[in-house]
Amino acid sequence: MAIKIRGGRTITLATVGALAASLLAIGGTATASSAAAEVHACVHKKTRYARIVNPTTKCRRTEERILIGGGTSTTTVQQGQQGAQGEQGKQGPKGDTGLSGPVGPQGKQGPQGTQGPQGPQGPKGATGPQGETGPQGTKGDKGDKGVPGSKGDKGDRGLQGPKGDTGPQGPQGPKGEQGPKGEQGPKGEQGPKGEPGSGANYTTYVKTASINSTGEESVSCGQGGMVTGGGFSFGTLKNATVMSSAPDGNGWSVYVAKSDNGNHGAAATSTETPKADDKMTTSGHGNGTSVNGTVYAVCLKKG
């Protein structure tokens, strides 16, 4: 069953049922006359359920406004006996989540009037002009809790949010242990022949520094000097190992670490010019660590 409404639209039986229920909730009779005979309703675009609203109430985005009636009319809805409860239907598929509509302001409910006797139906009069909006009525008593509405459709998936800011840099981790000595790389090609020298004079000299404990000790060639080689000499190297002996900026650096297999009172000496990754290891037997030696750098200075 369907009813035609203004604008050539049709509302289904579900809409008529919702409209009848709304009329029944206010006493079973709805009387309209002149401009008040126009009933404003918001109809859901998919379910076609209608809800009666005030002329100034805005419909939701999922609804469309309809205007029912016009002129003078009287509608009586009689409530019959409640029928037996039907069997529970199968659960339908989960619908899409609908968009959350804005919460409208709550209007004040007026007092319920007494139901008058039904008069004879008069002839349909001409539609009069729309009257001005009357003053707001006083707030009525709180009505009974309504029946829960049907579950809304699932809304569309939202757009992906923007990429978040890069987090702060984490703290620097502890220094790792020195790795094993790598294999020697292939011999490089011979460079081009240099330009003849200007005949300047250069002086070679040696700078030294004492090393008396495990750790790193360096010696510098000083201002204007250039390191050309270096090494170390130990009078005592007990339970310790030379881990590295290499150039360090404008000088030479030697690193000594504690060894599980110590060198009991042995002496270690290096007089060659080592490469940057050369290492020398000594071992022996005994308890405790004892280091006493010298680090030296072979330097070259112009003049």
C-alpha atoms as a PDB file:
ATOM      1  CA  MET A   1       0.000   0.000   0.000  1.00  0.00           C
ATOM      2  CA  ALA A   2       1.288   3.520  -0.800  1.00  0.00           C
ATOM      3  CA  ILE A   3       0.052   7.096  -0.509  1.00  0.00           C
ATOM      4  CA  LYS A   4       0.733   9.964  -2.852  1.00  0.00           C
ATOM      5  CA  ILE A   5       2.055  13.145  -1.267  1.00  0.00           C
ATOM      6  CA  ARG A   6       2.728  16.622  -2.528  1.00  0.00           C
ATOM      7  CA  GLY A   7       5.303  16.737  -5.288  1.00  0.00           C
ATOM      8  CA  GLY A   8       4.225  13.404  -6.837  1.00  0.00           C
ATOM      9  CA  ARG A   9       6.163  11.307  -4.296  1.00  0.00           C
ATOM     10  CA  THR A  10       4.915   8.113  -2.692  1.00  0.00           C
ATOM     11  CA  ILE A  11       5.458   6.847   0.843  1.00  0.00           C
ATOM     12  CA  THR A  12       5.221   3.134   1.521  1.00  0.00           C
ATOM     13  CA  LEU A  13       3.204   1.219   4.075  1.00  0.00           C
ATOM     14  CA  ALA A  14       6.122   1.415   6.512  1.00  0.00           C
ATOM     15  CA  THR A  15       5.948   5.205   6.316  1.00  0.00           C
ATOM     16  CA  VAL A  16       2.185   5.239   6.775  1.00  0.00           C
ATOM     17  CA  GLY A  17       2.564   2.932   9.758  1.00  0.00           C
ATOM     18  CA  ALA A  18       5.127   5.251  11.305  1.00  0.00           C
ATOM     19  CA  LEU A  19       2.826   8.227  10.662  1.00  0.00           C
ATOM     20  CA  ALA A  20      -0.149   6.386  12.170  1.00  0.00           C
ATOM     21  CA  ALA A  21       1.908   5.467  15.225  1.00  0.00           C
ATOM     22  CA  SER A  22       2.872   9.102  15.664  1.00  0.00           C
ATOM     23  CA  LEU A  23      -0.762  10.154  15.476  1.00  0.00           C
ATOM     24  CA  LEU A  24      -1.805   7.377  17.865  1.00  0.00           C
ATOM     25  CA  ALA A  25       0.778   8.520  20.417  1.00  0.00           C
ATOM     26  CA  ILE A  26      -1.042  11.836  20.871  1.00  0.00           C
ATOM     27  CA  GLY A  27      -4.521  10.396  21.486  1.00  0.00           C
ATOM     28  CA  GLY A  28      -5.643   8.503  18.390  1.00  0.00           C
ATOM     29  CA  THR A  29      -6.968  11.496  16.436  1.00  0.00           C
ATOM     30  CA  ALA A  30      -5.130  14.080  14.335  1.00  0.00           C
ATOM     31  CA  THR A  31      -7.134  17.099  13.187  1.00  0.00           C
ATOM     32  CA  ALA A  32      -5.723  19.629  10.745  1.00  0.00           C
ATOM     33  CA  SER A  33      -7.330  22.762   9.485  1.00  0.00           C
ATOM     34  CA  SER A  34      -6.203  25.419   7.062  1.00  0.00           C
ATOM     35  CA  ALA A  35      -2.381  25.708   7.115  1.00  0.00           C
ATOM     36  CA  ALA A  36      -2.127  23.412  10.168  1.00  0.00           C
ATOM     37  CA  ALA A  37      -3.371  20.549   7.958  1.00  0.00           C
ATOM     38  CA  GLU A  38       0.089  20.386   6.441  1.00  0.00           C
ATOM     39  CA  VAL A  39       2.106  17.740   8.262  1.00  0.00           C
ATOM     40  CA  HIS A  40       5.883  17.982   8.040  1.00  0.00           C
ATOM     41  CA  ALA A  41       7.823  14.705   8.165  1.00  0.00           C
ATOM     42  CA  CYS A  42      11.387  13.508   7.596  1.00  0.00           C
ATOM     43  CA  VAL A  43      11.596  10.238   5.623  1.00  0.00           C
ATOM     44  CA  HIS A  44      14.718   8.016   5.683  1.00  0.00           C
ATOM     45  CA  LYS A  45      16.061   7.674   2.139  1.00  0.00           C
ATOM     46  CA  LYS A  46      16.650   3.903   2.428  1.00  0.00           C
ATOM     47  CA  THR A  47      14.289   2.472   5.052  1.00  0.00           C
ATOM     48  CA  ARG A  48      11.473   4.950   4.113  1.00  0.00           C
ATOM     49  CA  TYR A  49      10.526   5.313   7.792  1.00  0.00           C
ATOM     50  CA  ALA A  50       8.990   8.722   8.545  1.00  0.00           C
ATOM     51  CA  ARG A  51       9.077  10.855  11.673  1.00  0.00           C
ATOM     52  CA  ILE A  52       6.790  13.868  12.268  1.00  0.00           C
ATOM     53  CA  VAL A  53       8.718  17.106  12.886  1.00  0.00           C
ATOM     54  CA  ASN A  54       8.009  20.796  13.429  1.00  0.00           C
ATOM     55  CA  PRO A  55       8.001  23.012  10.340  1.00  0.00           C
ATOM     56  CA  THR A  56      11.304  24.599  11.519  1.00  0.00           C
ATOM     57  CA  THR A  57      13.072  21.320  12.317  1.00  0.00           C
ATOM     58  CA  LYS A  58      15.844  20.367   9.860  1.00  0.00           C
ATOM     59  CA  CYS A  59      15.927  16.826   8.503  1.00  0.00           C
ATOM     60  CA  ARG A  60      19.105  14.729   8.742  1.00  0.00           C
ATOM     61  CA  ARG A  61      21.411  14.132   5.807  1.00  0.00           C
ATOM     62  CA  THR A  62      20.035  10.589   5.448  1.00  0.00           C
ATOM     63  CA  GLU A  63      16.428  11.905   5.274  1.00  0.00           C
ATOM     64  CA  GLU A  64      14.315  13.983   2.962  1.00  0.00           C
ATOM     65  CA  ARG A  65      11.486  16.330   3.948  1.00  0.00           C
ATOM     66  CA  ILE A  66       7.898  15.652   2.815  1.00  0.00           C
ATOM     67  CA  LEU A  67       4.706  17.668   3.267  1.00  0.00           C
ATOM     68  CA  ILE A  68       1.508  15.717   3.836  1.00  0.00           C
ATOM     69  CA  GLY A  69      -2.034  17.060   3.538  1.00  0.00           C
ATOM     70  CA  GLY A  70      -3.326  20.584   3.142  1.00  0.00           C
ATOM     71  CA  GLY A  71      -6.726  22.174   3.680  1.00  0.00           C
ATOM     72  CA  THR A  72      -9.159  21.002   6.371  1.00  0.00           C
ATOM     73  CA  SER A  73      -9.182  17.301   7.228  1.00  0.00           C
ATOM     74  CA  THR A  74      -9.775  15.034  10.184  1.00  0.00           C
ATOM     75  CA  THR A  75      -8.056  11.661  10.564  1.00  0.00           C
ATOM     76  CA  THR A  76      -9.053   9.112  13.167  1.00  0.00           C
ATOM     77  CA  VAL A  77      -6.803   6.229  14.088  1.00  0.00           C
ATOM     78  CA  GLN A  78      -8.452   3.529  16.200  1.00  0.00           C
ATOM     79  CA  GLN A  79      -6.289   1.250  18.220  1.00  0.00           C
ATOM     80  CA  GLY A  80      -7.350  -2.395  18.140  1.00  0.00           C
ATOM     81  CA  GLN A  81      -6.404  -5.222  20.392  1.00  0.00           C
ATOM     82  CA  GLN A  82      -2.753  -6.117  20.447  1.00  0.00           C
ATOM     83  CA  GLY A  83      -2.013  -9.137  18.295  1.00  0.00           C
ATOM     84  CA  ALA A  84       0.045 -12.113  19.323  1.00  0.00           C
ATOM     85  CA  GLN A  85       3.796 -11.697  19.108  1.00  0.00           C
ATOM     86  CA  GLY A  86       5.168 -13.057  15.882  1.00  0.00           C
ATOM     87  CA  GLU A  87       8.127 -15.374  15.529  1.00  0.00           C
ATOM     88  CA  GLN A  88      11.536 -13.782  15.668  1.00  0.00           C
ATOM     89  CA  GLY A  89      12.927 -13.262  12.208  1.00  0.00           C
ATOM     90  CA  LYS A  90      16.384 -14.244  11.101  1.00  0.00           C
ATOM     91  CA  GLN A  91      19.105 -11.783  11.887  1.00  0.00           C
ATOM     92  CA  GLY A  92      19.856  -9.680   8.856  1.00  0.00           C
ATOM     93  CA  PRO A  93      23.362  -8.870   7.650  1.00  0.00           C
ATOM     94  CA  LYS A  94      25.265  -6.205   9.490  1.00  0.00           C
ATOM     95  CA  GLY A  95      24.593  -2.838   7.909  1.00  0.00           C
ATOM     96  CA  ASP A  96      27.130  -0.134   7.255  1.00  0.00           C
ATOM     97  CA  THR A  97      27.654   2.310  10.065  1.00  0.00           C
ATOM     98  CA  GLY A  98      25.763   5.486   9.263  1.00  0.00           C
ATOM     99  CA  LEU A  99      27.144   8.976   9.588  1.00  0.00           C
ATOM    100  CA  SER A 100      26.493  10.569  12.957  1.00  0.00           C
ATOM    101  CA  GLY A 101      23.976  13.354  12.508  1.00  0.00           C
ATOM    102  CA  PRO A 102      24.036  16.583  14.510  1.00  0.00           C
ATOM    103  CA  VAL A 103      21.996  16.616  17.712  1.00  0.00           C
ATOM    104  CA  GLY A 104      19.066  18.951  17.290  1.00  0.00           C
ATOM    105  CA  PRO A 105      17.708  21.163  20.089  1.00  0.00           C
ATOM    106  CA  GLN A 106      14.965  19.596  22.217  1.00  0.00           C
ATOM    107  CA  GLY A 107      11.663  21.365  21.907  1.00  0.00           C
ATOM    108  CA  LYS A 108       9.337  22.028  24.825  1.00  0.00           C
ATOM    109  CA  GLN A 109       6.425  19.607  25.097  1.00  0.00           C
ATOM    110  CA  GLY A 110       3.002  21.192  25.553  1.00  0.00           C
ATOM    111  CA  PRO A 111       0.269  19.813  27.818  1.00  0.00           C
ATOM    112  CA  GLN A 112      -1.990  17.114  26.370  1.00  0.00           C
ATOM    113  CA  GLY A 113      -5.549  18.290  25.807  1.00  0.00           C
ATOM    114  CA  THR A 114      -8.707  16.278  26.332  1.00  0.00           C
ATOM    115  CA  GLN A 115     -10.133  14.488  23.331  1.00  0.00           C
ATOM    116  CA  GLY A 116     -13.315  16.075  21.991  1.00  0.00           C
ATOM    117  CA  PRO A 117     -16.135  14.346  20.149  1.00  0.00           C
ATOM    118  CA  GLN A 118     -15.660  13.705  16.484  1.00  0.00           C
ATOM    119  CA  GLY A 119     -17.605  16.120  14.323  1.00  0.00           C
ATOM    120  CA  PRO A 120     -18.949  15.554  10.858  1.00  0.00           C
ATOM    121  CA  GLN A 121     -16.522  16.013   8.026  1.00  0.00           C
ATOM    122  CA  GLY A 122     -16.972  19.341   6.311  1.00  0.00           C
ATOM    123  CA  PRO A 123     -16.272  20.231   2.716  1.00  0.00           C
ATOM    124  CA  LYS A 124     -12.678  20.842   1.773  1.00  0.00           C
ATOM    125  CA  GLY A 125     -11.853  24.521   1.953  1.00  0.00           C
ATOM    126  CA  ALA A 126      -9.366  26.501   0.007  1.00  0.00           C
ATOM    127  CA  THR A 127      -5.815  26.495   1.271  1.00  0.00           C
ATOM    128  CA  GLY A 128      -5.203  29.617   3.255  1.00  0.00           C
ATOM    129  CA  PRO A 129      -1.949  31.535   3.545  1.00  0.00           C
ATOM    130  CA  GLN A 130       0.639  30.241   5.958  1.00  0.00           C
ATOM    131  CA  GLY A 131       0.288  31.881   9.343  1.00  0.00           C
ATOM    132  CA  GLU A 132       3.087  33.315  11.395  1.00  0.00           C
ATOM    133  CA  THR A 133       4.951  31.082  13.818  1.00  0.00           C
ATOM    134  CA  GLY A 134       3.298  31.148  17.214  1.00  0.00           C
ATOM    135  CA  PRO A 135       5.135  31.696  20.501  1.00  0.00           C
ATOM    136  CA  GLN A 136       7.009  28.799  22.133  1.00  0.00           C
ATOM    137  CA  GLY A 137       4.801  26.785  24.457  1.00  0.00           C
ATOM    138  CA  THR A 138       5.679  25.966  28.031  1.00  0.00           C
ATOM    139  CA  LYS A 139       7.654  22.810  28.711  1.00  0.00           C
ATOM    140  CA  GLY A 140       5.437  19.786  29.268  1.00  0.00           C
ATOM    141  CA  ASP A 141       5.931  16.676  31.349  1.00  0.00           C
ATOM    142  CA  LYS A 142       8.608  14.235  30.279  1.00  0.00           C
ATOM    143  CA  GLY A 143       7.176  11.603  27.938  1.00  0.00           C
ATOM    144  CA  ASP A 144       7.634   7.857  28.109  1.00  0.00           C
ATOM    145  CA  LYS A 145      10.750   6.336  26.635  1.00  0.00           C
ATOM    146  CA  GLY A 146      10.287   5.618  22.931  1.00  0.00           C
ATOM    147  CA  VAL A 147      10.909   2.352  21.143  1.00  0.00           C
ATOM    148  CA  PRO A 148      14.539   2.034  19.963  1.00  0.00           C
ATOM    149  CA  GLY A 149      14.926   2.867  16.277  1.00  0.00           C
ATOM    150  CA  SER A 150      16.337   0.566  13.655  1.00  0.00           C
ATOM    151  CA  LYS A 151      20.094   0.255  13.340  1.00  0.00           C
ATOM    152  CA  GLY A 152      21.598   2.762  10.909  1.00  0.00           C
ATOM    153  CA  ASP A 153      23.558   1.874   7.828  1.00  0.00           C
ATOM    154  CA  LYS A 154      27.306   1.550   8.062  1.00  0.00           C
ATOM    155  CA  GLY A 155      29.033   4.766   7.069  1.00  0.00           C
ATOM    156  CA  ASP A 156      31.695   5.064   4.400  1.00  0.00           C
ATOM    157  CA  ARG A 157      35.296   4.531   5.396  1.00  0.00           C
ATOM    158  CA  GLY A 158      37.005   7.782   6.321  1.00  0.00           C
ATOM    159  CA  LEU A 159      39.977   9.243   4.504  1.00  0.00           C
ATOM    160  CA  GLN A 160      43.469   8.305   5.654  1.00  0.00           C
ATOM    161  CA  GLY A 161      44.923  10.845   8.040  1.00  0.00           C
ATOM    162  CA  PRO A 162      48.100  12.808   7.286  1.00  0.00           C
ATOM    163  CA  LYS A 163      51.515  11.300   8.017  1.00  0.00           C
ATOM    164  CA  GLY A 164      52.658  11.973  11.575  1.00  0.00           C
ATOM    165  CA  ASP A 165      55.745  13.970  12.460  1.00  0.00           C
ATOM    166  CA  THR A 166      59.076  12.165  12.732  1.00  0.00           C
ATOM    167  CA  GLY A 167      59.811  11.192  16.318  1.00  0.00           C
ATOM    168  CA  PRO A 168      62.843  12.483  18.227  1.00  0.00           C
ATOM    169  CA  GLN A 169      66.195  10.781  17.707  1.00  0.00           C
ATOM    170  CA  GLY A 170      66.916   8.043  20.226  1.00  0.00           C
ATOM    171  CA  PRO A 171      69.943   8.111  22.518  1.00  0.00           C
ATOM    172  CA  GLN A 172      73.299   6.961  21.154  1.00  0.00           C
ATOM    173  CA  GLY A 173      74.081   3.335  21.942  1.00  0.00           C
ATOM    174  CA  PRO A 174      77.214   2.210  23.783  1.00  0.00           C
ATOM    175  CA  LYS A 175      80.501   1.915  21.912  1.00  0.00           C
ATOM    176  CA  GLY A 176      80.914  -1.568  20.462  1.00  0.00           C
ATOM    177  CA  GLU A 177      83.936  -3.760  20.881  1.00  0.00           C
ATOM    178  CA  GLN A 178      86.742  -3.456  18.362  1.00  0.00           C
ATOM    179  CA  GLY A 179      86.367  -5.992  15.577  1.00  0.00           C
ATOM    180  CA  PRO A 180      89.018  -8.392  14.327  1.00  0.00           C
ATOM    181  CA  LYS A 181      91.738  -7.236  11.961  1.00  0.00           C
ATOM    182  CA  GLY A 182      90.554  -7.200   8.360  1.00  0.00           C
ATOM    183  CA  GLU A 183      92.373  -8.694   5.435  1.00  0.00           C
ATOM    184  CA  GLN A 184      94.910  -6.519   3.645  1.00  0.00           C
ATOM    185  CA  GLY A 185      93.468  -4.896   0.550  1.00  0.00           C
ATOM    186  CA  PRO A 186      94.968  -5.182  -2.933  1.00  0.00           C
ATOM    187  CA  LYS A 187      97.950  -3.023  -3.839  1.00  0.00           C
ATOM    188  CA  GLY A 188      96.882   0.239  -5.444  1.00  0.00           C
ATOM    189  CA  GLU A 189      98.089   1.535  -8.758  1.00  0.00           C
ATOM    190  CA  GLN A 190     101.204   3.676  -8.821  1.00  0.00           C
ATOM    191  CA  GLY A 191     100.382   7.363  -8.812  1.00  0.00           C
ATOM    192  CA  PRO A 192     101.664   9.868 -11.373  1.00  0.00           C
ATOM    193  CA  LYS A 193     105.186  11.209 -11.080  1.00  0.00           C
ATOM    194  CA  GLY A 194     105.353  14.266  -8.842  1.00  0.00           C
ATOM    195  CA  GLU A 195     106.685  17.653  -9.736  1.00  0.00           C
ATOM    196  CA  PRO A 196     110.347  18.352  -8.943  1.00  0.00           C
ATOM    197  CA  GLY A 197     110.849  19.587  -5.399  1.00  0.00           C
ATOM    198  CA  SER A 198     111.722  23.119  -4.519  1.00  0.00           C
ATOM    199  CA  GLY A 199     114.802  22.031  -2.636  1.00  0.00           C
ATOM    200  CA  ALA A 200     113.401  22.876   0.849  1.00  0.00           C
ATOM    201  CA  ASN A 201     115.095  21.443   3.952  1.00  0.00           C
ATOM    202  CA  TYR A 202     113.166  19.128   6.304  1.00  0.00           C
ATOM    203  CA  THR A 203     114.054  18.048   9.820  1.00  0.00           C
ATOM    204  CA  THR A 204     113.181  14.656  11.286  1.00  0.00           C
ATOM    205  CA  TYR A 205     112.584  14.372  15.024  1.00  0.00           C
ATOM    206  CA  VAL A 206     110.915  11.973  17.514  1.00  0.00           C
ATOM    207  CA  LYS A 207     108.251  12.809  20.128  1.00  0.00           C
ATOM    208  CA  THR A 208     107.554  10.423  23.033  1.00  0.00           C
ATOM    209  CA  ALA A 209     104.976   9.875  25.777  1.00  0.00           C
ATOM    210  CA  SER A 210     104.840   7.373  28.681  1.00  0.00           C
ATOM    211  CA  ILE A 211     102.101   4.750  28.948  1.00  0.00           C
ATOM    212  CA  ASN A 212     101.692   3.200  32.422  1.00  0.00           C
ATOM    213  CA  SER A 213      98.195   1.665  32.361  1.00  0.00           C
ATOM    214  CA  THR A 214      95.685   0.002  30.077  1.00  0.00           C
ATOM    215  CA  GLY A 215      93.821   2.321  27.694  1.00  0.00           C
ATOM    216  CA  GLU A 216      94.877   4.687  24.938  1.00  0.00           C
ATOM    217  CA  GLU A 217      97.936   6.968  24.956  1.00  0.00           C
ATOM    218  CA  SER A 218      98.844   9.423  22.164  1.00  0.00           C
ATOM    219  CA  VAL A 219     101.785  11.644  21.305  1.00  0.00           C
ATOM    220  CA  SER A 220     101.608  14.648  18.921  1.00  0.00           C
ATOM    221  CA  CYS A 221     104.221  16.049  16.521  1.00  0.00           C
ATOM    222  CA  GLY A 222     103.255  19.570  17.533  1.00  0.00           C
ATOM    223  CA  GLN A 223     102.466  22.633  15.419  1.00  0.00           C
ATOM    224  CA  GLY A 224     104.012  22.552  11.935  1.00  0.00           C
ATOM    225  CA  GLY A 225     105.063  18.911  12.226  1.00  0.00           C
ATOM    226  CA  MET A 226     103.831  15.945  10.215  1.00  0.00           C
ATOM    227  CA  VAL A 227     103.791  12.365  11.493  1.00  0.00           C
ATOM    228  CA  THR A 228     105.610   9.876   9.247  1.00  0.00           C
ATOM    229  CA  GLY A 229     105.701   6.874  11.545  1.00  0.00           C
ATOM    230  CA  GLY A 230     105.579   5.713  15.130  1.00  0.00           C
ATOM    231  CA  GLY A 231     105.542   2.767  17.516  1.00  0.00           C
ATOM    232  CA  PHE A 232     105.871   1.645  21.127  1.00  0.00           C
ATOM    233  CA  SER A 233     108.304   0.080  23.561  1.00  0.00           C
ATOM    234  CA  PHE A 234     107.329  -1.677  26.814  1.00  0.00           C
ATOM    235  CA  GLY A 235     109.634  -2.606  29.666  1.00  0.00           C
ATOM    236  CA  THR A 236     106.705  -4.352  31.397  1.00  0.00           C
ATOM    237  CA  LEU A 237     103.536  -5.678  29.776  1.00  0.00           C
ATOM    238  CA  LYS A 238     101.878  -8.112  32.201  1.00  0.00           C
ATOM    239  CA  ASN A 239      98.366  -9.539  31.582  1.00  0.00           C
ATOM    240  CA  ALA A 240      97.845  -6.866  28.897  1.00  0.00           C
ATOM    241  CA  THR A 241      97.686  -6.774  25.107  1.00  0.00           C
ATOM    242  CA  VAL A 242      98.524  -4.086  22.537  1.00  0.00           C
ATOM    243  CA  MET A 243      95.281  -3.787  20.515  1.00  0.00           C
ATOM    244  CA  SER A 244      96.328  -1.074  18.070  1.00  0.00           C
ATOM    245  CA  SER A 245      99.238   1.159  17.089  1.00  0.00           C
ATOM    246  CA  ALA A 246      98.340   3.694  14.399  1.00  0.00           C
ATOM    247  CA  PRO A 247      98.539   7.351  13.308  1.00  0.00           C
ATOM    248  CA  ASP A 248      96.180   9.669  15.191  1.00  0.00           C
ATOM    249  CA  GLY A 249      95.737  13.042  13.532  1.00  0.00           C
ATOM    250  CA  ASN A 250      99.140  14.767  13.727  1.00  0.00           C
ATOM    251  CA  GLY A 251     100.654  12.116  16.009  1.00  0.00           C
ATOM    252  CA  TRP A 252     100.684   8.455  17.017  1.00  0.00           C
ATOM    253  CA  SER A 253      98.319   6.490  19.272  1.00  0.00           C
ATOM    254  CA  VAL A 254      98.719   3.117  21.053  1.00  0.00           C
ATOM    255  CA  TYR A 255      95.822   1.251  22.685  1.00  0.00           C
ATOM    256  CA  VAL A 256      96.491  -1.364  25.432  1.00  0.00           C
ATOM    257  CA  ALA A 257      93.758  -3.634  26.820  1.00  0.00           C
ATOM    258  CA  LYS A 258      93.641  -6.146  29.674  1.00  0.00           C
ATOM    259  CA  SER A 259      94.274  -9.714  28.540  1.00  0.00           C
ATOM    260  CA  ASP A 260      92.960 -12.994  30.016  1.00  0.00           C
ATOM    261  CA  ASN A 261      96.297 -14.604  29.111  1.00  0.00           C
ATOM    262  CA  GLY A 262      98.803 -12.144  30.555  1.00  0.00           C
ATOM    263  CA  ASN A 263     102.490 -11.635  29.732  1.00  0.00           C
ATOM    264  CA  HIS A 264     104.312 -12.257  33.010  1.00  0.00           C
ATOM    265  CA  GLY A 265     107.011  -9.589  33.137  1.00  0.00           C
ATOM    266  CA  ALA A 266     107.668  -9.756  29.350  1.00  0.00           C
ATOM    267  CA  ALA A 267     108.776  -6.793  27.298  1.00  0.00           C
ATOM    268  CA  ALA A 268     107.257  -5.814  23.938  1.00  0.00           C
ATOM    269  CA  THR A 269     108.837  -3.494  21.435  1.00  0.00           C
ATOM    270  CA  SER A 270     107.839  -2.245  17.988  1.00  0.00           C
ATOM    271  CA  THR A 271     110.354  -0.191  16.039  1.00  0.00           C
ATOM    272  CA  GLU A 272     108.783  -0.536  12.605  1.00  0.00           C
ATOM    273  CA  THR A 273     106.478   1.997  11.008  1.00  0.00           C
ATOM    274  CA  PRO A 274     103.096   0.197  11.246  1.00  0.00           C
ATOM    275  CA  LYS A 275     100.043   0.653   9.071  1.00  0.00           C
ATOM    276  CA  ALA A 276      96.850   2.200  10.446  1.00  0.00           C
ATOM    277  CA  ASP A 277      95.265  -1.198  11.143  1.00  0.00           C
ATOM    278  CA  ASP A 278      98.398  -3.031  12.457  1.00  0.00           C
ATOM    279  CA  LYS A 279      97.918  -4.839  15.807  1.00  0.00           C
ATOM    280  CA  MET A 280     100.373  -6.639  18.104  1.00  0.00           C
ATOM    281  CA  THR A 281      99.328  -9.144  20.778  1.00  0.00           C
ATOM    282  CA  THR A 282     101.460 -10.682  23.541  1.00  0.00           C
ATOM    283  CA  SER A 283     100.495 -13.370  26.031  1.00  0.00           C
ATOM    284  CA  GLY A 284     101.927 -15.061  29.110  1.00  0.00           C
ATOM    285  CA  HIS A 285     100.925 -16.349  32.547  1.00  0.00           C
ATOM    286  CA  GLY A 286     100.496 -14.681  35.929  1.00  0.00           C
ATOM    287  CA  ASN A 287      98.050 -12.620  37.956  1.00  0.00           C
ATOM    288  CA  GLY A 288      97.419  -8.850  37.912  1.00  0.00           C
ATOM    289  CA  THR A 289      98.062  -6.258  35.191  1.00  0.00           C
ATOM    290  CA  SER A 290     101.230  -4.187  34.865  1.00  0.00           C
ATOM    291  CA  VAL A 291     102.056  -1.758  32.036  1.00  0.00           C
ATOM    292  CA  ASN A 292     105.183   0.406  31.704  1.00  0.00           C
ATOM    293  CA  GLY A 293     106.328   1.670  28.332  1.00  0.00           C
ATOM    294  CA  THR A 294     106.738   4.502  25.837  1.00  0.00           C
ATOM    295  CA  VAL A 295     104.764   5.645  22.796  1.00  0.00           C
ATOM    296  CA  TYR A 296     106.735   7.516  20.141  1.00  0.00           C
ATOM    297  CA  ALA A 297     106.024   9.331  16.902  1.00  0.00           C
ATOM    298  CA  VAL A 298     108.504   9.954  14.074  1.00  0.00           C
ATOM    299  CA  CYS A 299     107.860  13.498  12.803  1.00  0.00           C
ATOM    300  CA  LEU A 300     108.960  15.651   9.848  1.00  0.00           C
ATOM    301  CA  LYS A 301     109.122  19.460   9.888  1.00  0.00           C
ATOM    302  CA  LYS A 302     110.077  21.909   7.189  1.00  0.00           C
ATOM    303  CA  GLY A 303     113.008  24.219   7.892  1.00  0.00           C
END
